[in-house]
């Protein structure tokens, strides 16, 4: 099942430029994206109503998109404006038009009722590649797995100590042994935790042997948007802050990641992610190193999650047994179930 009345990431803003006509599949719907000469984005159903050829094989002409099978031409509202060789345009010669926006690094498409499309539901405060406060890189991965398994993975970071023992965890068991503070938001959850006497990632280039108290917080928002910051503070900061959000001296390093889980269908998911840092924390080549470290870790995740999906598909279904680390997973699934129930009722 999918939540439809929400914004899904359809790709990077750079993916749809100039005369590019781009095909996407989101929660089972085929969507075509293009830009009008003004730069305005358009998202249409990727199926010509005439002989069902994909419009993503078409050509941009002014503000419209022409199907390059038999030449029908469609406006941004999905209505056919030309049928070659005849003056009459059939009333049913139209395709669905999807609300579409740009925010941060990404293109967002509203997959549900267009009358309910609310730009305020795109997560606020997204960072784009042109934001002077951050230096960002980004990639995407394809998973042969249901999107909920990826959501679960990101919501329960205790797996870092085990799946990423030699990468993100850097031989530390703190992720697995500590429990974060979790609270429910209207359309997601917020998770906060301290790791004490931790090490910074190699791409931060800390002095050899230097230790830190690490404050990490993230919002996980419907339908699967993960916004995380990590701050590295002097040892003792966690205790001085009462294991709450720090409000004292500026952290030595700050890392940022933004991630979006976009279901293609029930068994295929695209995972978009950024990794970045403050300009004052940078040096030549750091962003590439940071992104490479993140990609390596997420490939570790993909190996486990795709194997998990095979087990789920091949064995008789039985309930999963929760542990104390599943607080955020349970809360977020409850939020999604509520939003789907509200959508069904309306």
Foldseek 3Di string as FASTA:
>chain_A
DAQQQAKAFFWFLVQEDDWQWDWAFFARFIWIWYAAPVRDIWIWGQFFPPPGHGLNPWTDDHQWTFRPPQTFIAHSQFATDDGPPDDDDDPPRGTHTWDWDDDAGTIITRRDDRVSRDPPRPDPPHHHCPDQFKHKDKDKDKFQAFLLLVLQCVQQQQCCCPLVVVFPQVVDNQSVPDAWDWDADLFAIKTKFKDAQGDDHVLLVDDPPATFIKIKMWTAGPPGKIKMKIFTAHGPQCVVVVRDDGDDDGGPWMKIKIKGWTDSYRRMIMIMMMIITGPVSDDPPSNVVRRVSVVVSVVSVSVVRNVVRVCCVPDPDDDDDDDPSCPRSVSNVVSRVVSVVVVVVD
